[in-house]
Amino acid sequence: MKKRGFIVISFILLTLITISIAMNQKKVITDTDEYGMFNGFKGYSNLDIFPEQIPDKGTGTQYYFEYKDEIFDPYYQIYLKCTYDTPTYSDEVKRLAQIKESYQGITQKIRYNTEKFGYPAYVAIYGDDGCYEYALLDEYNQTIIYIFTQWANADDIKFENAYLPHNFMADTEDSFSIYMFDLGDGGRYVADDKYNRK
């Protein structure tokens, strides 16, 4: 009996160690040539804020992608910063302003905000289920900062904290996500299949 108990305990410990190692694996990308390779993305988003590719006339580009598969929810921080010429900047702002998601006849549009960030922002997610997704408009420098975070803490952020919302990860009653649709029975539908199913 003692031997059997030892085997069971050893198996449980080995399983826990294996899970812990798997959960702590992390992926980091900073090479702009690998930008946009989001297939298999597991976040609660379609990443509509981000351009599908970095525009040819984008300069001074900075990119950071980090992913960790944790026990309950995946951890992400995705950051892209681009400076554009005047026509490209204008086109990109127009694209941002038109972002929306639809489900069963309901459409949820991106929100423009000038109070919750250090820059004017187009916001797709604000504090919903640990997520933020937005684009900051540095109009003077014709620069756009695109950000998605999921269950990230301010201490872990690899880009400037000045680009975070003023009340980052604080409990708020005005959280929202254009990707989350209330079903009326307490359930929610998440429009997040752009990359998740590829």
Protein backbone atom coordinates (compact mmCIF):
# COMPACT_ATOMS: atom_id res chain seq x y z
CA MET A 1 0.00 0.00 0.00
CA LYS A 2 2.82 2.39 0.86
CA LYS A 3 4.45 1.75 -2.52
CA ARG A 4 1.17 2.40 -4.33
CA GLY A 5 0.64 5.64 -2.40
CA PHE A 6 4.18 6.74 -3.25
CA ILE A 7 3.56 6.07 -6.96
CA VAL A 8 0.31 8.08 -6.94
CA ILE A 9 1.94 11.02 -5.13
CA SER A 10 4.93 10.91 -7.49
CA PHE A 11 2.61 10.91 -10.51
CA ILE A 12 0.66 13.90 -9.16
CA LEU A 13 3.86 15.84 -8.44
CA LEU A 14 5.26 15.05 -11.88
CA THR A 15 2.00 16.18 -13.52
CA LEU A 16 2.01 19.44 -11.55
CA ILE A 17 5.65 20.12 -12.45
CA THR A 18 4.96 19.41 -16.15
CA ILE A 19 1.94 21.75 -16.14
CA SER A 20 3.93 24.43 -14.32
CA ILE A 21 6.77 24.26 -16.87
CA ALA A 22 4.32 24.39 -19.78
CA MET A 23 2.45 27.33 -18.28
CA ASN A 24 5.64 29.32 -17.74
CA GLN A 25 6.82 29.11 -21.33
CA LYS A 26 6.99 32.53 -22.89
CA LYS A 27 7.24 33.84 -26.43
CA VAL A 28 8.77 37.25 -27.16
CA ILE A 29 9.10 38.87 -30.60
CA THR A 30 10.67 42.26 -31.32
CA ASP A 31 11.60 41.79 -34.99
CA THR A 32 9.31 43.95 -37.16
CA ASP A 33 9.74 41.41 -39.99
CA GLU A 34 7.65 39.03 -37.87
CA TYR A 35 4.92 41.57 -37.21
CA GLY A 36 1.37 40.40 -37.88
CA MET A 37 2.02 36.69 -37.39
CA PHE A 38 -0.91 36.36 -34.99
CA ASN A 39 -2.22 32.93 -36.07
CA GLY A 40 -3.10 30.93 -32.97
CA PHE A 41 -3.68 34.10 -30.95
CA LYS A 42 -5.69 33.21 -27.81
CA GLY A 43 -6.70 36.65 -26.56
CA TYR A 44 -10.24 37.98 -26.16
CA SER A 45 -9.93 40.14 -29.25
CA ASN A 46 -9.61 40.23 -33.03
CA LEU A 47 -6.82 42.82 -32.75
CA ASP A 48 -8.74 45.17 -35.05
CA ILE A 49 -6.72 48.13 -33.76
CA PHE A 50 -3.54 46.81 -35.33
CA PRO A 51 -2.84 47.25 -39.05
CA GLU A 52 -2.62 43.91 -40.85
CA GLN A 53 0.88 44.90 -41.91
CA ILE A 54 3.13 47.82 -41.14
CA PRO A 55 2.47 50.44 -43.85
CA ASP A 56 5.40 50.91 -46.24
CA LYS A 57 5.67 54.57 -45.24
CA GLY A 58 5.82 53.83 -41.52
CA THR A 59 9.15 54.91 -39.98
CA GLY A 60 10.79 54.67 -36.57
CA THR A 61 8.84 51.48 -36.00
CA GLN A 62 9.01 49.77 -32.60
CA TYR A 63 7.41 46.38 -31.97
CA TYR A 64 7.05 44.16 -28.92
CA PHE A 65 5.01 40.97 -28.65
CA GLU A 66 4.93 38.83 -25.53
CA TYR A 67 2.78 35.79 -24.82
CA LYS A 68 2.62 33.44 -21.83
CA ASP A 69 0.19 30.53 -21.52
CA GLU A 70 -0.89 30.73 -17.89
CA ILE A 71 -3.17 28.46 -15.86
CA PHE A 72 -6.48 30.32 -16.27
CA ASP A 73 -6.03 32.87 -19.07
CA PRO A 74 -3.23 33.65 -21.52
CA TYR A 75 -1.06 36.70 -20.84
CA TYR A 76 -0.30 39.15 -23.66
CA GLN A 77 1.25 42.48 -24.33
CA ILE A 78 1.47 43.69 -27.90
CA TYR A 79 2.91 47.09 -28.77
CA LEU A 80 3.47 48.75 -32.13
CA LYS A 81 4.63 52.33 -32.63
CA CYS A 82 4.81 53.90 -36.10
CA THR A 83 5.44 57.40 -37.42
CA TYR A 84 3.76 58.20 -40.73
CA ASP A 85 3.81 60.81 -43.45
CA THR A 86 0.71 63.06 -43.55
CA PRO A 87 -1.43 61.06 -46.05
CA THR A 88 -0.64 57.70 -44.41
CA TYR A 89 -1.33 59.05 -40.93
CA SER A 90 -4.67 60.45 -42.11
CA ASP A 91 -5.64 57.17 -43.78
CA GLU A 92 -4.74 55.18 -40.68
CA VAL A 93 -6.78 57.45 -38.39
CA LYS A 94 -9.75 57.01 -40.76
CA ARG A 95 -9.33 53.23 -40.60
CA LEU A 96 -9.30 53.31 -36.80
CA ALA A 97 -12.42 55.47 -36.66
CA GLN A 98 -14.38 52.91 -38.68
CA ILE A 99 -13.58 49.82 -36.59
CA LYS A 100 -16.62 47.86 -35.46
CA GLU A 101 -17.72 44.32 -34.65
CA SER A 102 -21.14 42.79 -35.33
CA TYR A 103 -23.01 39.76 -34.04
CA GLN A 104 -26.63 38.74 -34.68
CA GLY A 105 -27.60 42.19 -35.92
CA ILE A 106 -25.90 44.07 -33.10
CA THR A 107 -22.98 46.35 -33.96
CA GLN A 108 -20.48 47.72 -31.45
CA LYS A 109 -18.23 50.55 -32.60
CA ILE A 110 -14.83 51.70 -31.47
CA ARG A 111 -14.90 54.63 -29.03
CA TYR A 112 -12.90 57.85 -29.25
CA ASN A 113 -11.63 59.06 -25.88
CA THR A 114 -9.67 62.13 -24.79
CA GLU A 115 -9.82 61.68 -20.99
CA LYS A 116 -8.59 58.24 -19.95
CA PHE A 117 -5.17 58.35 -21.65
CA GLY A 118 -2.29 60.75 -22.09
CA TYR A 119 -3.17 61.10 -25.78
CA PRO A 120 -6.40 61.07 -27.77
CA ALA A 121 -7.28 57.41 -28.25
CA TYR A 122 -9.45 55.04 -30.24
CA VAL A 123 -10.46 52.31 -27.81
CA ALA A 124 -11.72 48.81 -28.65
CA ILE A 125 -11.38 47.32 -25.14
CA TYR A 126 -11.18 49.15 -21.84
CA GLY A 127 -10.63 47.04 -18.73
CA ASP A 128 -12.91 44.20 -19.82
CA ASP A 129 -11.86 40.78 -18.53
CA GLY A 130 -8.32 42.02 -17.86
CA CYS A 131 -7.91 43.37 -21.39
CA TYR A 132 -7.13 46.71 -23.03
CA GLU A 133 -6.88 47.46 -26.72
CA TYR A 134 -6.44 50.97 -28.09
CA ALA A 135 -4.52 53.25 -30.43
CA LEU A 136 -2.99 56.48 -29.14
CA LEU A 137 -2.76 59.42 -31.53
CA ASP A 138 0.34 61.56 -31.19
CA GLU A 139 -0.94 64.08 -33.71
CA TYR A 140 1.98 66.50 -33.44
CA ASN A 141 4.50 63.82 -34.46
CA GLN A 142 2.07 61.94 -36.75
CA THR A 143 2.74 58.83 -34.68
CA ILE A 144 0.30 56.11 -33.67
CA ILE A 145 0.88 53.76 -30.74
CA TYR A 146 -1.13 50.53 -30.94
CA ILE A 147 -1.52 48.46 -27.77
CA PHE A 148 -3.18 45.26 -26.60
CA THR A 149 -2.70 43.84 -23.10
CA GLN A 150 -4.35 40.88 -21.43
CA TRP A 151 -3.77 40.25 -17.72
CA ALA A 152 -0.58 42.32 -17.75
CA ASN A 153 0.52 44.38 -14.75
CA ALA A 154 2.09 47.83 -15.04
CA ASP A 155 5.33 46.49 -13.54
CA ASP A 156 5.65 43.98 -16.39
CA ILE A 157 5.05 46.41 -19.26
CA LYS A 158 7.98 46.68 -21.69
CA PHE A 159 6.89 49.93 -23.33
CA GLU A 160 6.54 53.37 -21.75
CA ASN A 161 4.05 53.46 -18.87
CA ALA A 162 2.94 56.85 -20.20
CA TYR A 163 1.14 54.87 -22.92
CA LEU A 164 -1.05 53.05 -20.39
CA PRO A 165 -4.54 54.24 -19.38
CA HIS A 166 -4.57 56.49 -16.31
CA ASN A 167 -6.34 53.79 -14.25
CA PHE A 168 -4.73 50.73 -15.79
CA MET A 169 -6.05 47.44 -14.32
CA ALA A 170 -8.16 49.28 -11.73
CA ASP A 171 -11.73 48.12 -11.10
CA THR A 172 -14.06 50.26 -13.16
CA GLU A 173 -17.77 50.34 -13.91
CA ASP A 174 -17.23 51.68 -17.44
CA SER A 175 -15.31 48.72 -18.80
CA PHE A 176 -16.30 47.56 -22.28
CA SER A 177 -15.20 45.56 -25.28
CA ILE A 178 -16.45 45.83 -28.83
CA TYR A 179 -15.77 42.08 -29.09
CA MET A 180 -18.06 41.04 -26.20
CA PHE A 181 -21.78 40.67 -26.86
CA ASP A 182 -24.21 40.05 -23.97
CA LEU A 183 -26.57 37.20 -24.80
CA GLY A 184 -29.26 38.23 -22.30
CA ASP A 185 -29.02 35.04 -20.23
CA GLY A 186 -25.86 36.01 -18.36
CA GLY A 187 -23.67 34.57 -21.09
CA ARG A 188 -21.44 36.44 -23.51
CA TYR A 189 -20.32 35.84 -27.08
CA VAL A 190 -16.73 36.76 -27.86
CA ALA A 191 -15.90 37.87 -31.41
CA ASP A 192 -12.32 36.59 -31.36
CA ASP A 193 -12.07 34.17 -34.27
CA LYS A 194 -10.00 36.27 -36.69
CA TYR A 195 -6.76 34.56 -35.59
CA ASN A 196 -7.88 32.01 -32.98
CA ARG A 197 -9.08 29.47 -35.51
CA LYS A 198 -6.17 29.67 -37.92
